[in-house]
Amino acid sequence: MENSRRFTEHRRGSSSNPVVYVELPGAGHNFDLYHSIRTEAVVNGIEAFVDWVQANNKRL
C-alpha cells in the first residue's frame, strides 16, 4: 500500500489532470474473482465514482 501511496503522490506532482487514489478496506487484489455482496458493493462504488467523475469533468 505504501508504494501505491508514493506512486500517487508522484503522479499528483507531475500530472496536470486530477489523480485519485482510493483504498478499499477489506478488498484484496482478487476481489473481483469471486462474486459476493462485498464485491458487488465495491463494483457499485467504482461505477458511481466513475459516473461522478465523467459528469463533473468535461475534459474526459
PDB file of N, CA and C in Angstrom:
ATOM      1  N   MET A   1       0.815  -1.188   0.000  1.00  0.00           N
ATOM      2  CA  MET A   1       0.000   0.000   0.000  1.00  0.00           C
ATOM      3  C   MET A   1       0.866   1.263   0.000  1.00  0.00           C
ATOM      4  N   GLU A   2       1.962   1.203   0.720  1.00  0.00           N
ATOM      5  CA  GLU A   2       2.820   2.381   0.784  1.00  0.00           C
ATOM      6  C   GLU A   2       3.380   2.732  -0.590  1.00  0.00           C
ATOM      7  N   ASN A   3       3.732   1.730  -1.391  1.00  0.00           N
ATOM      8  CA  ASN A   3       4.210   2.004  -2.754  1.00  0.00           C
ATOM      9  C   ASN A   3       3.138   2.682  -3.583  1.00  0.00           C
ATOM     10  N   SER A   4       1.897   2.255  -3.432  1.00  0.00           N
ATOM     11  CA  SER A   4       0.792   2.869  -4.167  1.00  0.00           C
ATOM     12  C   SER A   4       0.596   4.318  -3.748  1.00  0.00           C
ATOM     13  N   ARG A   5       0.724   4.570  -2.477  1.00  0.00           N
ATOM     14  CA  ARG A   5       0.575   5.947  -1.992  1.00  0.00           C
ATOM     15  C   ARG A   5       1.685   6.848  -2.530  1.00  0.00           C
ATOM     16  N   ARG A   6       2.925   6.343  -2.508  1.00  0.00           N
ATOM     17  CA  ARG A   6       4.050   7.135  -3.045  1.00  0.00           C
ATOM     18  C   ARG A   6       3.873   7.382  -4.540  1.00  0.00           C
ATOM     19  N   PHE A   7       3.458   6.346  -5.266  1.00  0.00           N
ATOM     20  CA  PHE A   7       3.227   6.493  -6.700  1.00  0.00           C
ATOM     21  C   PHE A   7       2.174   7.566  -6.954  1.00  0.00           C
ATOM     22  N   THR A   8       1.090   7.539  -6.181  1.00  0.00           N
ATOM     23  CA  THR A   8       0.016   8.518  -6.337  1.00  0.00           C
ATOM     24  C   THR A   8       0.529   9.934  -6.098  1.00  0.00           C
ATOM     25  N   GLU A   9       1.303  10.121  -5.050  1.00  0.00           N
ATOM     26  CA  GLU A   9       1.841  11.450  -4.766  1.00  0.00           C
ATOM     27  C   GLU A   9       2.775  11.911  -5.876  1.00  0.00           C
ATOM     28  N   HIS A  10       3.564  10.998  -6.414  1.00  0.00           N
ATOM     29  CA  HIS A  10       4.444  11.342  -7.538  1.00  0.00           C
ATOM     30  C   HIS A  10       3.618  11.789  -8.741  1.00  0.00           C
ATOM     31  N   ARG A  11       2.573  11.041  -9.055  1.00  0.00           N
ATOM     32  CA  ARG A  11       1.714  11.384 -10.202  1.00  0.00           C
ATOM     33  C   ARG A  11       1.021  12.725  -9.969  1.00  0.00           C
ATOM     34  N   ARG A  12       0.565  12.974  -8.772  1.00  0.00           N
ATOM     35  CA  ARG A  12      -0.088  14.256  -8.480  1.00  0.00           C
ATOM     36  C   ARG A  12       0.859  15.421  -8.715  1.00  0.00           C
ATOM     37  N   GLY A  13       2.132  15.193  -8.428  1.00  0.00           N
ATOM     38  CA  GLY A  13       3.112  16.250  -8.608  1.00  0.00           C
ATOM     39  C   GLY A  13       3.501  16.480 -10.057  1.00  0.00           C
ATOM     40  N   SER A  14       3.217  15.517 -10.917  1.00  0.00           N
ATOM     41  CA  SER A  14       3.668  15.648 -12.303  1.00  0.00           C
ATOM     42  C   SER A  14       2.530  15.668 -13.328  1.00  0.00           C
ATOM     43  N   SER A  15       1.297  15.531 -12.884  1.00  0.00           N
ATOM     44  CA  SER A  15       0.168  15.480 -13.813  1.00  0.00           C
ATOM     45  C   SER A  15      -0.641  16.760 -13.761  1.00  0.00           C
ATOM     46  N   SER A  16      -1.071  17.209 -14.925  1.00  0.00           N
ATOM     47  CA  SER A  16      -1.961  18.369 -14.953  1.00  0.00           C
ATOM     48  C   SER A  16      -3.426  17.935 -14.777  1.00  0.00           C
ATOM     49  N   ASN A  17      -3.664  16.635 -14.779  1.00  0.00           N
ATOM     50  CA  ASN A  17      -5.009  16.091 -14.575  1.00  0.00           C
ATOM     51  C   ASN A  17      -5.169  15.637 -13.128  1.00  0.00           C
ATOM     52  N   PRO A  18      -6.395  15.595 -12.639  1.00  0.00           N
ATOM     53  CA  PRO A  18      -6.603  15.087 -11.278  1.00  0.00           C
ATOM     54  C   PRO A  18      -6.138  13.632 -11.166  1.00  0.00           C
ATOM     55  N   VAL A  19      -5.511  13.311 -10.059  1.00  0.00           N
ATOM     56  CA  VAL A  19      -5.077  11.937  -9.783  1.00  0.00           C
ATOM     57  C   VAL A  19      -5.800  11.492  -8.519  1.00  0.00           C
ATOM     58  N   VAL A  20      -6.513  10.376  -8.628  1.00  0.00           N
ATOM     59  CA  VAL A  20      -7.307   9.888  -7.499  1.00  0.00           C
ATOM     60  C   VAL A  20      -6.786   8.528  -7.078  1.00  0.00           C
ATOM     61  N   TYR A  21      -6.650   8.338  -5.794  1.00  0.00           N
ATOM     62  CA  TYR A  21      -6.237   7.060  -5.224  1.00  0.00           C
ATOM     63  C   TYR A  21      -7.269   6.675  -4.166  1.00  0.00           C
ATOM     64  N   VAL A  22      -7.759   5.469  -4.254  1.00  0.00           N
ATOM     65  CA  VAL A  22      -8.771   5.008  -3.314  1.00  0.00           C
ATOM     66  C   VAL A  22      -8.335   3.668  -2.744  1.00  0.00           C
ATOM     67  N   GLU A  23      -8.326   3.565  -1.430  1.00  0.00           N
ATOM     68  CA  GLU A  23      -8.081   2.285  -0.777  1.00  0.00           C
ATOM     69  C   GLU A  23      -9.428   1.691  -0.406  1.00  0.00           C
ATOM     70  N   LEU A  24      -9.588   0.420  -0.693  1.00  0.00           N
ATOM     71  CA  LEU A  24     -10.835  -0.272  -0.402  1.00  0.00           C
ATOM     72  C   LEU A  24     -10.604  -1.241   0.743  1.00  0.00           C
ATOM     73  N   PRO A  25     -10.898  -0.836   1.977  1.00  0.00           N
ATOM     74  CA  PRO A  25     -10.662  -1.707   3.124  1.00  0.00           C
ATOM     75  C   PRO A  25     -11.370  -3.055   2.957  1.00  0.00           C
ATOM     76  N   GLY A  26     -10.642  -4.107   3.217  1.00  0.00           N
ATOM     77  CA  GLY A  26     -11.220  -5.437   3.140  1.00  0.00           C
ATOM     78  C   GLY A  26     -11.203  -6.050   1.756  1.00  0.00           C
ATOM     79  N   ALA A  27     -10.816  -5.295   0.754  1.00  0.00           N
ATOM     80  CA  ALA A  27     -10.777  -5.820  -0.616  1.00  0.00           C
ATOM     81  C   ALA A  27      -9.351  -6.259  -0.930  1.00  0.00           C
ATOM     82  N   GLY A  28      -9.215  -7.452  -1.443  1.00  0.00           N
ATOM     83  CA  GLY A  28      -7.913  -7.940  -1.861  1.00  0.00           C
ATOM     84  C   GLY A  28      -7.710  -7.685  -3.334  1.00  0.00           C
ATOM     85  N   HIS A  29      -6.546  -8.040  -3.839  1.00  0.00           N
ATOM     86  CA  HIS A  29      -6.281  -7.843  -5.258  1.00  0.00           C
ATOM     87  C   HIS A  29      -7.181  -8.697  -6.138  1.00  0.00           C
ATOM     88  N   ASN A  30      -7.687  -9.758  -5.609  1.00  0.00           N
ATOM     89  CA  ASN A  30      -8.538 -10.646  -6.404  1.00  0.00           C
ATOM     90  C   ASN A  30     -10.009 -10.519  -6.029  1.00  0.00           C
ATOM     91  N   PHE A  31     -10.395  -9.357  -5.491  1.00  0.00           N
ATOM     92  CA  PHE A  31     -11.771  -9.201  -5.029  1.00  0.00           C
ATOM     93  C   PHE A  31     -12.789  -9.414  -6.141  1.00  0.00           C
ATOM     94  N   ASP A  32     -12.371  -9.205  -7.371  1.00  0.00           N
ATOM     95  CA  ASP A  32     -13.313  -9.314  -8.485  1.00  0.00           C
ATOM     96  C   ASP A  32     -13.446 -10.738  -9.019  1.00  0.00           C
ATOM     97  N   LEU A  33     -12.676 -11.684  -8.495  1.00  0.00           N
ATOM     98  CA  LEU A  33     -12.749 -13.056  -8.993  1.00  0.00           C
ATOM     99  C   LEU A  33     -13.901 -13.850  -8.390  1.00  0.00           C
ATOM    100  N   TYR A  34     -14.333 -13.443  -7.230  1.00  0.00           N
ATOM    101  CA  TYR A  34     -15.356 -14.202  -6.508  1.00  0.00           C
ATOM    102  C   TYR A  34     -16.562 -13.313  -6.243  1.00  0.00           C
ATOM    103  N   HIS A  35     -17.710 -13.728  -6.731  1.00  0.00           N
ATOM    104  CA  HIS A  35     -18.906 -12.926  -6.528  1.00  0.00           C
ATOM    105  C   HIS A  35     -19.324 -12.994  -5.061  1.00  0.00           C
ATOM    106  N   SER A  36     -19.589 -11.846  -4.507  1.00  0.00           N
ATOM    107  CA  SER A  36     -20.071 -11.750  -3.132  1.00  0.00           C
ATOM    108  C   SER A  36     -20.772 -10.409  -2.972  1.00  0.00           C
ATOM    109  N   ILE A  37     -21.420 -10.235  -1.861  1.00  0.00           N
ATOM    110  CA  ILE A  37     -22.070  -8.946  -1.575  1.00  0.00           C
ATOM    111  C   ILE A  37     -21.016  -7.848  -1.513  1.00  0.00           C
ATOM    112  N   ARG A  38     -19.858  -8.163  -0.937  1.00  0.00           N
ATOM    113  CA  ARG A  38     -18.785  -7.168  -0.836  1.00  0.00           C
ATOM    114  C   ARG A  38     -18.298  -6.780  -2.236  1.00  0.00           C
ATOM    115  N   THR A  39     -18.095  -7.780  -3.104  1.00  0.00           N
ATOM    116  CA  THR A  39     -17.655  -7.490  -4.469  1.00  0.00           C
ATOM    117  C   THR A  39     -18.662  -6.604  -5.182  1.00  0.00           C
ATOM    118  N   GLU A  40     -19.916  -6.917  -5.031  1.00  0.00           N
ATOM    119  CA  GLU A  40     -20.956  -6.117  -5.678  1.00  0.00           C
ATOM    120  C   GLU A  40     -20.947  -4.677  -5.166  1.00  0.00           C
ATOM    121  N   ALA A  41     -20.745  -4.502  -3.864  1.00  0.00           N
ATOM    122  CA  ALA A  41     -20.694  -3.157  -3.289  1.00  0.00           C
ATOM    123  C   ALA A  41     -19.487  -2.388  -3.827  1.00  0.00           C
ATOM    124  N   VAL A  42     -18.344  -3.058  -3.962  1.00  0.00           N
ATOM    125  CA  VAL A  42     -17.153  -2.405  -4.498  1.00  0.00           C
ATOM    126  C   VAL A  42     -17.381  -1.985  -5.945  1.00  0.00           C
ATOM    127  N   VAL A  43     -17.919  -2.882  -6.743  1.00  0.00           N
ATOM    128  CA  VAL A  43     -18.185  -2.574  -8.154  1.00  0.00           C
ATOM    129  C   VAL A  43     -19.174  -1.413  -8.264  1.00  0.00           C
ATOM    130  N   ASN A  44     -20.215  -1.435  -7.463  1.00  0.00           N
ATOM    131  CA  ASN A  44     -21.200  -0.344  -7.483  1.00  0.00           C
ATOM    132  C   ASN A  44     -20.551   0.980  -7.094  1.00  0.00           C
ATOM    133  N   GLY A  45     -19.673   0.942  -6.100  1.00  0.00           N
ATOM    134  CA  GLY A  45     -18.976   2.154  -5.685  1.00  0.00           C
ATOM    135  C   GLY A  45     -18.072   2.698  -6.767  1.00  0.00           C
ATOM    136  N   ILE A  46     -17.348   1.814  -7.436  1.00  0.00           N
ATOM    137  CA  ILE A  46     -16.463   2.230  -8.526  1.00  0.00           C
ATOM    138  C   ILE A  46     -17.275   2.822  -9.671  1.00  0.00           C
ATOM    139  N   GLU A  47     -18.372   2.172 -10.028  1.00  0.00           N
ATOM    140  CA  GLU A  47     -19.215   2.700 -11.103  1.00  0.00           C
ATOM    141  C   GLU A  47     -19.785   4.067 -10.745  1.00  0.00           C
ATOM    142  N   ALA A  48     -20.214   4.241  -9.510  1.00  0.00           N
ATOM    143  CA  ALA A  48     -20.759   5.536  -9.083  1.00  0.00           C
ATOM    144  C   ALA A  48     -19.679   6.614  -9.137  1.00  0.00           C
ATOM    145  N   PHE A  49     -18.467   6.264  -8.722  1.00  0.00           N
ATOM    146  CA  PHE A  49     -17.370   7.228  -8.761  1.00  0.00           C
ATOM    147  C   PHE A  49     -17.040   7.632 -10.193  1.00  0.00           C
ATOM    148  N   VAL A  50     -16.941   6.658 -11.090  1.00  0.00           N
ATOM    149  CA  VAL A  50     -16.632   6.952 -12.497  1.00  0.00           C
ATOM    150  C   VAL A  50     -17.738   7.809 -13.109  1.00  0.00           C
ATOM    151  N   ASP A  51     -18.985   7.491 -12.811  1.00  0.00           N
ATOM    152  CA  ASP A  51     -20.099   8.315 -13.306  1.00  0.00           C
ATOM    153  C   ASP A  51     -19.964   9.742 -12.811  1.00  0.00           C
ATOM    154  N   TRP A  52     -19.609   9.914 -11.529  1.00  0.00           N
ATOM    155  CA  TRP A  52     -19.467  11.249 -10.952  1.00  0.00           C
ATOM    156  C   TRP A  52     -18.328  12.007 -11.641  1.00  0.00           C
ATOM    157  N   VAL A  53     -17.194  11.331 -11.841  1.00  0.00           N
ATOM    158  CA  VAL A  53     -16.049  11.975 -12.487  1.00  0.00           C
ATOM    159  C   VAL A  53     -16.426  12.416 -13.892  1.00  0.00           C
ATOM    160  N   GLN A  54     -17.072  11.541 -14.640  1.00  0.00           N
ATOM    161  CA  GLN A  54     -17.445  11.889 -16.007  1.00  0.00           C
ATOM    162  C   GLN A  54     -18.452  13.031 -16.050  1.00  0.00           C
ATOM    163  N   ALA A  55     -19.355  13.073 -15.103  1.00  0.00           N
ATOM    164  CA  ALA A  55     -20.360  14.133 -15.074  1.00  0.00           C
ATOM    165  C   ALA A  55     -19.758  15.478 -14.644  1.00  0.00           C
ATOM    166  N   ASN A  56     -18.645  15.445 -13.894  1.00  0.00           N
ATOM    167  CA  ASN A  56     -18.086  16.663 -13.347  1.00  0.00           C
ATOM    168  C   ASN A  56     -16.773  17.101 -13.977  1.00  0.00           C
ATOM    169  N   ASN A  57     -16.316  16.379 -14.985  1.00  0.00           N
ATOM    170  CA  ASN A  57     -15.060  16.730 -15.628  1.00  0.00           C
ATOM    171  C   ASN A  57     -15.278  16.720 -17.133  1.00  0.00           C
ATOM    172  N   LYS A  58     -15.416  17.872 -17.698  1.00  0.00           N
ATOM    173  CA  LYS A  58     -15.720  18.000 -19.121  1.00  0.00           C
ATOM    174  C   LYS A  58     -14.535  17.624 -20.008  1.00  0.00           C
ATOM    175  N   ARG A  59     -13.323  17.486 -19.436  1.00  0.00           N
ATOM    176  CA  ARG A  59     -12.146  17.163 -20.234  1.00  0.00           C
ATOM    177  C   ARG A  59     -12.091  15.685 -20.580  1.00  0.00           C
ATOM    178  N   LEU A  60     -12.867  14.829 -19.928  1.00  0.00           N
ATOM    179  CA  LEU A  60     -12.801  13.380 -20.223  1.00  0.00           C
ATOM    180  C   LEU A  60     -13.474  13.044 -21.512  1.00  0.00           C
TER     181      LEU A  60
END
